[in-house]
Structures are given as structure tokens and as C-alpha cells.
Amino acid sequence: MKFTSKKVLTGAVAISALVATAMPTMASAAGTVSNATFNTSFSTMASLKSVAAAGKGSIAVILPDTKSSARYTEFDAPYLTKAFTAAGVKKFTVQNAQGSDTTMFTDAQADISKGAKVLVIDPIDSTTGAVIEGYAKARGVAVIDYDRLTLGGARSYYVSFDNTAVGTLIGKGEVACQAAWGVKSPVTYISYGSPTDNNATLFAKGYNAVLSAAGFNTAATTLSGDKQTVLENAGTWDGATAASDFEAAYAAHPSINSAVTPNDNNAAGIITYLQGKGLTPKTFPFTGQDASLTGFQNVISGYQCGTVYKPIWLEAQAAAALAVYLNAGQTPPAGIVNGTTTDSLQNAPVKSALLTATWVTADKVEATVVADKVIDPKMLCTSTAPSVAGSTQPTFAADCATYGIK
């Protein structure tokens, strides 16, 4: 299948950030709430209390599933809840469709019947998303696409990371890790996320461009030359399916010694399979994203070379802020809506809040996800590693010590 940390703020941005932190009510009045002012303490959300008080209905969030990535239960749901609460929103709900298109649609119908004036949806696929958005629009309900763009939809705004840039980070990470881990004659397995997820298309666009520029053939499987590739036949966000697809490819091409995997969940399933065959650390680089606990355990133990950290606390606050403004019938500030994204089915721009992600290797864990309190170092360092071939594995304490994680 082919798919065509923190920064130092200066000048006016720094002043806006300081004002938003010290005097949130004034920040709101001055219109300085922006993606740059959101933080891990969620203090900026409090500046939206007066806007939230003007809201006429409730706000409903529907997340897609709990299987494709642990992020929805570990990060998105609690962060969205925290963001709405900090903003003083009295009526909101955060739900999960559990991978069912029918559940997502019926939840949306129920939310609207109960008075929701804004829906925030992360659609399982664009077909269902477009149906929900058409239904909502006909009833005067605004919709925000969260994380995934609904192609052909009728949303007001889209909130996500720059997903082509995320794919670029994955591609650059793989190339760098092959060099760092001494993979001199790479035979690289290139996998994809679900073909019904527009983000997967954008991720692949990013990493395929990097790999192509580095001399890899991303258009077809090739087992000749210095940089060989094996392409996955079909994409998925299911870890078990990703592992099964890899097993088939590995049986046919046992020389595979590296992999571009589009998220931590997909990587984890394949890593577990290879560990059962005696895989040793820092020999077979994998990539990922979503900043999951399992992903970072694989990173610090040398089985995954790195992962893309997308600060979900930032995405959740941007989405919640947009929803608060829409519920109050107000136009969100340009500091939140900072770009556009093309809906390829409609060939039209969608007003967007586009956020920045970071590539994180083992030596950057402490300064990024631990510092941001996204990963609990106690959970990271004291959890017992999975059993491999019936053996009892140690904790990750030694790995944490190696990289100064505490």
C-alpha cells in the first residue's frame, strides 16, 4: 500500500505568555490566549472562564477507541477533562466510541438531543465523521475535528499537529538511528497506519519523502542495492495486526533489520515478536509516536530508537479553548487558529490550530516528557519488562539510571 519542548519565548510572545500566566483574566480580555500560552499547569484555561460563562449549551467530545493507541485513555480524555474544568465549563462530556462507527454516531445524536452546541470529534474514519458533521450542521451544532481531519466534512475548525512534519521527524529519526546503531546495509520494513485515517496518509507523506531523499525506494519493495526496502501491504493501527503483517513479511524476507513504524503501538507488537526470537538492544531500529509508556520503555531499553512526542496537553487545551469560544458564539483568537489544512476531497482550506511535535530519543526523555509530567518516572523505571520466551525480565531501573531519568 502506498500513501501518496519547550521553547524560549522572546519579544511580544514572551510578554503575552507572562501576562497570560500572571493575569489570566486580563489575558483573555486582551485576546492574547494562544497556543504559545498553554502550559502543563493548565493555568491559561482559567482565563476563559468569562467566555465559558457565556456558553449557551453543552460541549461533547467523542474519541475514537482504546485499541489503536493508549494515548486516548492515558492522555486525551484526562487532559480534555482538565482543560474544560479549568475553564469553568459546567456542562461537558468526554466519551469514547470504542472503535464502533455506530456508537460514535449514536453518541453524537444523543449529545445533540441533550443540548450540545459543540461537538469535538476524533472520527474513526472520514465516512462516519462526515455523516456526524452533516447531522450536526443541520441542527445548528458546530463541530471541531480533533487530531484527525474528516475529509468531506462540515467542521468549523481542525486541531492537530502538523502531521506531515510528524512523518518527517519519523523518517529523519529512522535514518539517524540506522547510522547510530550501525545498520550499514539496511533492509527496512516500511509500515503505515490505517488507510482510513488521513493522518496516516500525512505521516507516510512525511517519512516517505525523507527516506526517498536518503536513497530508499518507497514506491515498491526492492531487495537490491545498499538500501533495501520491504513495504507493508496494508496499513493498520491495531498492534496485533501490525505484528502479524510483519511476521509474514519477515518470514519472506528474514534479512529485514530495521523498521519505520508509524506509532508506538504498532512498534511494540513487532518488538515483542522479535524479542521472542532473541532480538538484542540497539541492533534493529524502530520508530514511533504518541509518547506512550510502553513506547518510552522500548526507547530507553534500546528496542525503539525514538518516538515523536506530541504534547497532548497542548492539543487538548487548544481544542477545549476553541470549543469554549464556539459555545459562546465568539470568534477564537488568531493565536489559536494559526493555519489552514486542505480537505483533499473538497479541495478547500480548513481553519486549523496546528501544533509542533518533537523527536525524542533516550537521552532526551528526562528533559521532555518527564519534565512535562507526561510520563511518570516511577511508572517508567519500576515497571517490570515483559517476559520474553518464558524468562523473567528486570525492571527498567538500570535504563533510567543510564539516562538520568528520576
Protein backbone atom coordinates (compact mmCIF):
# COMPACT_ATOMS: atom_id res chain seq x y z
CA MET A 1 0.00 0.00 0.00
CA LYS A 2 1.33 3.43 -0.90
CA PHE A 3 0.35 6.66 0.70
CA THR A 4 0.77 9.39 -1.75
CA SER A 5 9.78 21.06 24.34
CA LYS A 6 9.74 23.78 25.34
CA LYS A 7 10.98 26.89 23.54
CA VAL A 8 12.38 30.12 24.90
CA LEU A 9 9.85 32.86 24.23
CA THR A 10 11.11 36.28 23.24
CA GLY A 11 9.67 39.71 22.49
CA ALA A 12 5.92 40.14 22.31
CA VAL A 13 5.27 36.40 22.60
CA ALA A 14 7.18 36.28 25.89
CA ILE A 15 5.24 39.27 27.21
CA SER A 16 1.94 37.65 26.20
CA ALA A 17 2.92 34.42 27.92
CA LEU A 18 3.86 36.25 31.13
CA VAL A 19 0.62 38.25 31.12
CA ALA A 20 -1.42 35.08 30.50
CA THR A 21 0.27 33.36 33.45
CA ALA A 22 0.18 36.25 35.90
CA MET A 23 -3.15 37.85 34.96
CA PRO A 24 -5.32 35.32 33.11
CA THR A 25 -8.47 37.48 33.13
CA MET A 26 -6.61 40.36 31.52
CA ALA A 27 -5.06 37.95 29.00
CA SER A 28 -8.50 36.88 27.87
CA ALA A 29 -9.74 40.45 27.63
CA ALA A 30 -6.70 41.44 25.59
CA GLY A 31 -7.11 38.47 23.27
CA THR A 32 -3.66 37.09 23.98
CA VAL A 33 -4.70 33.48 24.62
CA SER A 34 -2.73 31.46 22.12
CA ASN A 35 -1.12 28.10 21.57
CA ALA A 36 2.08 29.62 22.97
CA THR A 37 0.42 30.41 26.31
CA PHE A 38 -0.94 26.92 27.06
CA ASN A 39 1.15 25.07 29.64
CA THR A 40 1.24 21.88 31.67
CA SER A 41 -0.40 23.56 34.66
CA PHE A 42 -3.47 24.47 32.51
CA SER A 43 -3.44 27.95 34.06
CA THR A 44 -4.25 29.71 30.79
CA MET A 45 -7.57 27.87 30.58
CA ALA A 46 -8.73 29.79 33.67
CA SER A 47 -8.60 32.98 31.60
CA LEU A 48 -11.51 31.61 29.55
CA LYS A 49 -13.97 31.44 32.46
CA SER A 50 -15.84 34.56 31.35
CA VAL A 51 -16.10 33.15 27.83
CA ALA A 52 -17.27 29.78 29.17
CA ALA A 53 -19.92 31.54 31.26
CA ALA A 54 -21.40 32.97 28.05
CA GLY A 55 -21.89 29.49 26.61
CA LYS A 56 -25.45 28.57 25.68
CA GLY A 57 -25.23 24.79 25.58
CA SER A 58 -23.03 21.86 26.48
CA ILE A 59 -19.85 20.59 24.83
CA ALA A 60 -19.38 16.93 23.89
CA VAL A 61 -16.15 15.16 22.95
CA ILE A 62 -16.15 11.76 21.26
CA LEU A 63 -12.80 9.96 20.99
CA PRO A 64 -12.41 7.01 18.59
CA ASP A 65 -11.22 3.96 20.51
CA THR A 66 -8.98 2.49 23.19
CA LYS A 67 -7.23 -0.04 20.95
CA SER A 68 -5.32 1.88 18.28
CA SER A 69 -3.30 3.83 20.83
CA ALA A 70 -3.10 4.09 24.60
CA ARG A 71 -2.99 7.87 24.24
CA TYR A 72 -6.79 8.27 24.25
CA THR A 73 -7.15 6.88 27.77
CA GLU A 74 -3.72 7.88 29.14
CA PHE A 75 -3.71 11.46 27.87
CA ASP A 76 -6.56 12.82 25.75
CA ALA A 77 -9.54 12.01 27.99
CA PRO A 78 -7.99 13.26 31.26
CA TYR A 79 -6.39 16.31 29.64
CA LEU A 80 -9.61 17.35 27.92
CA THR A 81 -11.48 16.93 31.19
CA LYS A 82 -8.86 19.01 33.00
CA ALA A 83 -8.97 21.74 30.32
CA PHE A 84 -12.75 22.14 30.41
CA THR A 85 -12.78 22.08 34.20
CA ALA A 86 -10.05 24.72 34.44
CA ALA A 87 -12.02 26.92 32.03
CA GLY A 88 -15.07 26.68 34.24
CA VAL A 89 -17.23 24.78 31.74
CA LYS A 90 -20.19 23.41 33.67
CA LYS A 91 -21.68 21.09 31.06
CA PHE A 92 -19.37 18.83 29.08
CA THR A 93 -18.76 15.16 28.45
CA VAL A 94 -15.79 13.18 27.15
CA GLN A 95 -16.74 9.85 25.61
CA ASN A 96 -15.07 7.04 23.66
CA ALA A 97 -16.71 5.20 20.77
CA GLN A 98 -14.68 2.04 21.49
CA GLY A 99 -13.89 1.57 17.81
CA SER A 100 -17.54 1.50 16.71
CA ASP A 101 -18.82 3.81 13.97
CA THR A 102 -22.37 3.14 15.17
CA THR A 103 -21.51 4.09 18.74
CA MET A 104 -19.83 7.31 17.61
CA PHE A 105 -22.88 8.34 15.60
CA THR A 106 -25.42 7.40 18.27
CA ASP A 107 -23.34 9.19 20.91
CA ALA A 108 -23.35 12.31 18.74
CA GLN A 109 -27.11 12.09 18.26
CA ALA A 110 -27.66 11.67 21.99
CA ASP A 111 -25.33 14.55 22.83
CA ILE A 112 -27.16 16.89 20.47
CA SER A 113 -30.56 15.82 21.80
CA LYS A 114 -29.33 16.64 25.31
CA GLY A 115 -28.34 20.16 24.33
CA ALA A 116 -24.79 20.00 22.98
CA LYS A 117 -24.00 23.05 20.87
CA VAL A 118 -20.42 21.99 20.09
CA LEU A 119 -19.08 18.55 19.20
CA VAL A 120 -15.37 17.73 19.29
CA ILE A 121 -14.83 14.51 17.36
CA ASP A 122 -11.84 12.35 16.50
CA PRO A 123 -13.51 10.24 13.83
CA ILE A 124 -12.75 6.57 13.38
CA ASP A 125 -12.93 7.26 9.64
CA SER A 126 -13.92 10.17 7.44
CA THR A 127 -17.09 8.49 6.18
CA THR A 128 -18.61 8.34 9.65
CA GLY A 129 -17.15 11.72 10.56
CA ALA A 130 -18.80 13.38 7.57
CA VAL A 131 -22.18 11.84 8.43
CA ILE A 132 -21.93 13.12 12.00
CA GLU A 133 -20.87 16.57 10.86
CA GLY A 134 -23.70 16.81 8.35
CA TYR A 135 -26.17 15.76 11.03
CA ALA A 136 -24.77 18.34 13.44
CA LYS A 137 -24.72 21.17 10.90
CA ALA A 138 -28.38 20.56 10.04
CA ARG A 139 -29.19 21.13 13.71
CA GLY A 140 -27.06 24.22 14.19
CA VAL A 141 -24.32 22.42 16.11
CA ALA A 142 -20.69 23.37 15.49
CA VAL A 143 -18.05 20.65 15.08
CA ILE A 144 -14.31 20.64 15.73
CA ASP A 145 -12.18 17.92 14.15
CA TYR A 146 -9.78 16.72 16.82
CA ASP A 147 -6.45 15.17 15.80
CA ARG A 148 -7.83 13.68 12.56
CA LEU A 149 -9.34 15.71 9.73
CA THR A 150 -12.71 14.49 8.46
CA LEU A 151 -12.36 14.52 4.69
CA GLY A 152 -15.53 15.86 3.08
CA GLY A 153 -16.79 17.05 6.44
CA ALA A 154 -18.54 20.18 7.68
CA ARG A 155 -16.44 21.14 10.64
CA SER A 156 -15.72 24.69 11.78
CA TYR A 157 -12.11 24.07 12.87
CA TYR A 158 -9.44 21.39 12.95
CA VAL A 159 -7.00 20.89 15.83
CA SER A 160 -3.93 18.72 15.40
CA PHE A 161 -0.20 18.63 14.99
CA ASP A 162 1.45 19.30 11.64
CA ASN A 163 1.18 15.66 10.65
CA THR A 164 3.38 15.78 7.57
CA ALA A 165 6.05 17.29 9.85
CA VAL A 166 5.44 14.43 12.31
CA GLY A 167 6.15 11.98 9.48
CA THR A 168 9.27 13.93 8.59
CA LEU A 169 10.52 13.52 12.17
CA ILE A 170 9.87 9.77 11.96
CA GLY A 171 11.80 9.49 8.70
CA LYS A 172 14.74 11.55 9.92
CA GLY A 173 14.75 9.59 13.16
CA GLU A 174 14.95 6.28 11.33
CA VAL A 175 17.82 7.41 9.11
CA ALA A 176 19.74 8.81 12.09
CA CYS A 177 19.18 5.71 14.19
CA GLN A 178 20.33 3.36 11.46
CA ALA A 179 23.61 5.24 11.45
CA ALA A 180 23.85 5.44 15.24
CA TRP A 181 23.10 1.74 15.71
CA GLY A 182 25.47 0.63 12.97
CA VAL A 183 22.95 -0.73 10.47
CA LYS A 184 25.29 -0.46 7.49
CA SER A 185 23.24 -2.39 4.93
CA PRO A 186 19.64 -1.65 5.91
CA VAL A 187 16.74 -3.78 4.79
CA THR A 188 13.97 -1.55 6.03
CA TYR A 189 10.38 -2.59 6.60
CA ILE A 190 8.11 0.41 5.96
CA SER A 191 4.70 0.23 7.59
CA TYR A 192 1.69 2.52 7.66
CA GLY A 193 -1.24 3.49 9.84
CA SER A 194 -4.83 2.80 8.89
CA PRO A 195 -5.64 3.81 5.29
CA THR A 196 -8.96 5.29 6.51
CA ASP A 197 -7.09 7.78 8.73
CA ASN A 198 -5.98 10.92 6.90
CA ASN A 199 -3.23 11.39 9.49
CA ALA A 200 -1.66 8.10 8.40
CA THR A 201 -1.51 9.42 4.85
CA LEU A 202 0.20 12.60 6.04
CA PHE A 203 2.65 10.70 8.27
CA ALA A 204 3.62 8.49 5.33
CA LYS A 205 3.98 11.52 3.08
CA GLY A 206 6.49 12.94 5.53
CA TYR A 207 8.63 9.87 6.15
CA ASN A 208 8.50 8.61 2.57
CA ALA A 209 9.91 11.94 1.38
CA VAL A 210 12.81 11.68 3.84
CA LEU A 211 13.52 8.05 3.01
CA SER A 212 13.35 8.67 -0.73
CA ALA A 213 15.83 11.52 -0.40
CA ALA A 214 18.12 9.19 1.59
CA GLY A 215 18.10 6.62 -1.23
CA PHE A 216 15.36 4.22 -0.13
CA ASN A 217 12.71 3.03 -2.59
CA THR A 218 9.34 3.88 -1.02
CA ALA A 219 7.30 3.12 -4.15
CA ALA A 220 7.84 -0.64 -4.19
CA THR A 221 9.62 -3.42 -2.36
CA THR A 222 13.20 -3.69 -3.54
CA LEU A 223 15.77 -6.24 -2.40
CA SER A 224 18.76 -4.94 -4.28
CA GLY A 225 21.27 -2.19 -3.65
CA ASP A 226 22.68 -0.74 -0.44
CA LYS A 227 19.32 0.43 0.94
CA GLN A 228 16.70 -2.25 0.51
CA THR A 229 13.05 -1.94 1.45
CA VAL A 230 10.08 -4.17 2.17
CA LEU A 231 6.75 -2.38 2.03
CA GLU A 232 3.77 -3.41 4.14
CA ASN A 233 0.80 -4.44 2.04
CA ALA A 234 -1.88 -2.77 4.16
CA GLY A 235 -1.84 -0.26 6.98
CA THR A 236 -3.37 -0.60 10.44
CA TRP A 237 -3.46 0.97 13.90
CA ASP A 238 -4.02 -2.41 15.56
CA GLY A 239 -0.84 -3.64 17.26
CA ALA A 240 -1.68 -7.33 16.86
CA THR A 241 -2.42 -6.88 13.16
CA ALA A 242 0.77 -4.88 12.71
CA ALA A 243 2.75 -7.72 14.31
CA SER A 244 1.00 -10.32 12.14
CA ASP A 245 1.71 -8.33 8.98
CA PHE A 246 5.35 -8.02 9.97
CA GLU A 247 5.67 -11.73 10.76
CA ALA A 248 4.56 -12.58 7.23
CA ALA A 249 7.00 -10.10 5.72
CA TYR A 250 9.83 -11.29 7.98
CA ALA A 251 9.20 -14.92 7.05
CA ALA A 252 9.51 -13.99 3.38
CA HIS A 253 12.45 -11.61 3.93
CA PRO A 254 14.44 -12.64 7.05
CA SER A 255 17.14 -10.10 6.20
CA ILE A 256 14.90 -7.23 7.43
CA ASN A 257 16.94 -5.39 10.07
CA SER A 258 15.11 -2.10 10.62
CA ALA A 259 11.59 -0.73 10.54
CA VAL A 260 9.69 2.50 10.09
CA THR A 261 6.69 2.10 12.35
CA PRO A 262 4.16 4.97 12.49
CA ASN A 263 3.30 4.76 16.20
CA ASP A 264 4.45 3.19 19.46
CA ASN A 265 1.59 0.70 19.50
CA ASN A 266 2.48 -0.82 16.13
CA ALA A 267 6.16 -0.89 17.04
CA ALA A 268 5.51 -2.62 20.37
CA GLY A 269 3.77 -5.60 18.83
CA ILE A 270 6.59 -6.21 16.38
CA ILE A 271 9.28 -5.67 19.01
CA THR A 272 7.68 -8.26 21.28
CA TYR A 273 7.61 -10.74 18.40
CA LEU A 274 11.31 -10.17 17.63
CA GLN A 275 12.30 -10.32 21.29
CA GLY A 276 10.91 -13.83 21.27
CA LYS A 277 13.42 -14.59 18.52
CA GLY A 278 16.36 -13.25 20.51
CA LEU A 279 16.43 -9.59 19.45
CA THR A 280 19.16 -7.66 21.27
CA PRO A 281 19.11 -3.93 22.09
CA LYS A 282 20.37 -1.25 19.68
CA THR A 283 20.53 -3.55 16.69
CA PHE A 284 17.14 -3.16 14.98
CA PRO A 285 15.85 0.45 15.00
CA PHE A 286 12.12 1.14 15.21
CA THR A 287 10.29 4.48 15.18
CA GLY A 288 7.04 5.61 16.74
CA GLN A 289 4.90 8.40 18.08
CA ASP A 290 2.24 9.13 20.75
CA ALA A 291 4.66 9.18 23.72
CA SER A 292 3.18 6.08 25.35
CA LEU A 293 4.64 4.50 28.47
CA THR A 294 5.38 1.27 26.57
CA GLY A 295 6.95 3.27 23.77
CA PHE A 296 9.36 5.02 26.12
CA GLN A 297 10.21 1.78 27.88
CA ASN A 298 11.19 0.39 24.48
CA VAL A 299 13.17 3.58 23.79
CA ILE A 300 15.23 3.59 26.98
CA SER A 301 15.87 -0.17 26.81
CA GLY A 302 17.23 0.11 23.26
CA TYR A 303 14.49 -1.59 21.25
CA GLN A 304 12.92 1.53 19.75
CA CYS A 305 15.31 4.23 18.60
CA GLY A 306 12.97 7.13 19.30
CA THR A 307 9.41 8.41 19.22
CA VAL A 308 7.62 11.60 18.27
CA TYR A 309 6.36 13.45 21.33
CA LYS A 310 3.14 15.25 20.55
CA PRO A 311 2.18 17.21 23.69
CA ILE A 312 -1.41 16.06 24.09
CA TRP A 313 -1.83 18.54 26.95
CA LEU A 314 -1.33 21.26 24.32
CA GLU A 315 -3.71 19.70 21.78
CA ALA A 316 -6.39 19.16 24.42
CA GLN A 317 -6.23 22.78 25.61
CA ALA A 318 -6.34 24.16 22.06
CA ALA A 319 -9.41 22.04 21.28
CA ALA A 320 -11.13 22.89 24.55
CA ALA A 321 -10.46 26.60 24.06
CA LEU A 322 -11.92 26.51 20.54
CA ALA A 323 -14.97 24.69 21.85
CA VAL A 324 -15.45 27.27 24.61
CA TYR A 325 -15.34 30.14 22.12
CA LEU A 326 -17.73 28.39 19.72
CA ASN A 327 -20.17 27.58 22.52
CA ALA A 328 -20.21 31.26 23.44
CA GLY A 329 -20.75 32.32 19.82
CA GLN A 330 -17.38 34.08 19.74
CA THR A 331 -14.57 34.00 17.18
CA PRO A 332 -11.43 32.27 18.51
CA PRO A 333 -8.24 34.36 18.52
CA ALA A 334 -5.69 34.05 15.72
CA GLY A 335 -3.14 32.86 18.26
CA ILE A 336 -5.04 29.57 18.44
CA VAL A 337 -6.23 29.31 14.84
CA ASN A 338 -2.77 29.70 13.32
CA GLY A 339 -3.06 27.95 9.94
CA THR A 340 -5.13 26.01 7.44
CA THR A 341 -5.29 22.39 6.31
CA THR A 342 -6.54 21.27 2.91
CA ASP A 343 -9.51 18.93 2.77
CA SER A 344 -8.44 16.90 -0.25
CA LEU A 345 -12.00 15.80 -1.07
CA GLN A 346 -13.36 19.33 -1.07
CA ASN A 347 -10.12 20.95 -2.27
CA ALA A 348 -10.78 23.62 0.32
CA PRO A 349 -8.85 25.05 3.29
CA VAL A 350 -9.98 24.27 6.82
CA LYS A 351 -9.17 26.76 9.58
CA SER A 352 -6.74 24.96 11.86
CA ALA A 353 -4.80 25.03 15.10
CA LEU A 354 -1.54 23.36 14.09
CA LEU A 355 0.86 22.37 16.84
CA THR A 356 4.53 21.35 16.93
CA ALA A 357 5.90 17.91 17.82
CA THR A 358 9.41 16.80 18.90
CA TRP A 359 11.55 13.73 18.17
CA VAL A 360 12.68 12.19 21.46
CA THR A 361 15.50 9.68 21.92
CA ALA A 362 16.50 8.04 25.21
CA ASP A 363 18.82 10.86 26.23
CA LYS A 364 16.03 13.44 25.85
CA VAL A 365 13.34 11.67 27.89
CA GLU A 366 14.09 13.42 31.19
CA ALA A 367 14.11 16.91 29.63
CA THR A 368 10.88 16.45 27.67
CA VAL A 369 8.15 14.03 28.69
CA VAL A 370 9.29 13.64 32.30
CA ALA A 371 9.76 17.40 32.75
CA ASP A 372 6.32 17.97 31.22
CA LYS A 373 4.85 15.35 33.60
CA VAL A 374 3.54 13.33 30.68
CA ILE A 375 5.45 10.23 31.76
CA ASP A 376 5.65 9.29 35.44
CA PRO A 377 9.28 8.27 36.05
CA LYS A 378 8.18 5.85 38.78
CA MET A 379 5.96 4.01 36.31
CA LEU A 380 8.65 4.17 33.64
CA CYS A 381 11.50 2.96 35.81
CA THR A 382 9.92 0.44 38.17
CA SER A 383 7.58 -1.42 35.83
CA THR A 384 8.63 -4.97 35.06
CA ALA A 385 9.62 -5.57 31.48
CA PRO A 386 7.51 -8.11 29.56
CA SER A 387 8.53 -11.75 29.80
CA VAL A 388 10.48 -12.95 26.78
CA ALA A 389 10.46 -16.64 25.90
CA GLY A 390 9.35 -17.52 29.42
CA SER A 391 12.15 -15.67 31.22
CA THR A 392 11.62 -13.13 34.00
CA GLN A 393 12.74 -9.68 32.94
CA PRO A 394 14.16 -6.96 35.22
CA THR A 395 12.66 -3.52 35.70
CA PHE A 396 13.78 -0.52 33.67
CA ALA A 397 15.59 1.00 36.66
CA ALA A 398 19.06 0.50 35.17
CA ASP A 399 17.99 2.14 31.91
CA CYS A 400 16.58 5.12 33.81
CA ALA A 401 19.85 5.46 35.70
CA THR A 402 21.79 5.38 32.44
CA TYR A 403 19.82 8.32 31.06
CA GLY A 404 19.44 10.30 34.29
CA ILE A 405 15.69 9.75 34.50
CA LYS A 406 14.38 10.30 38.00
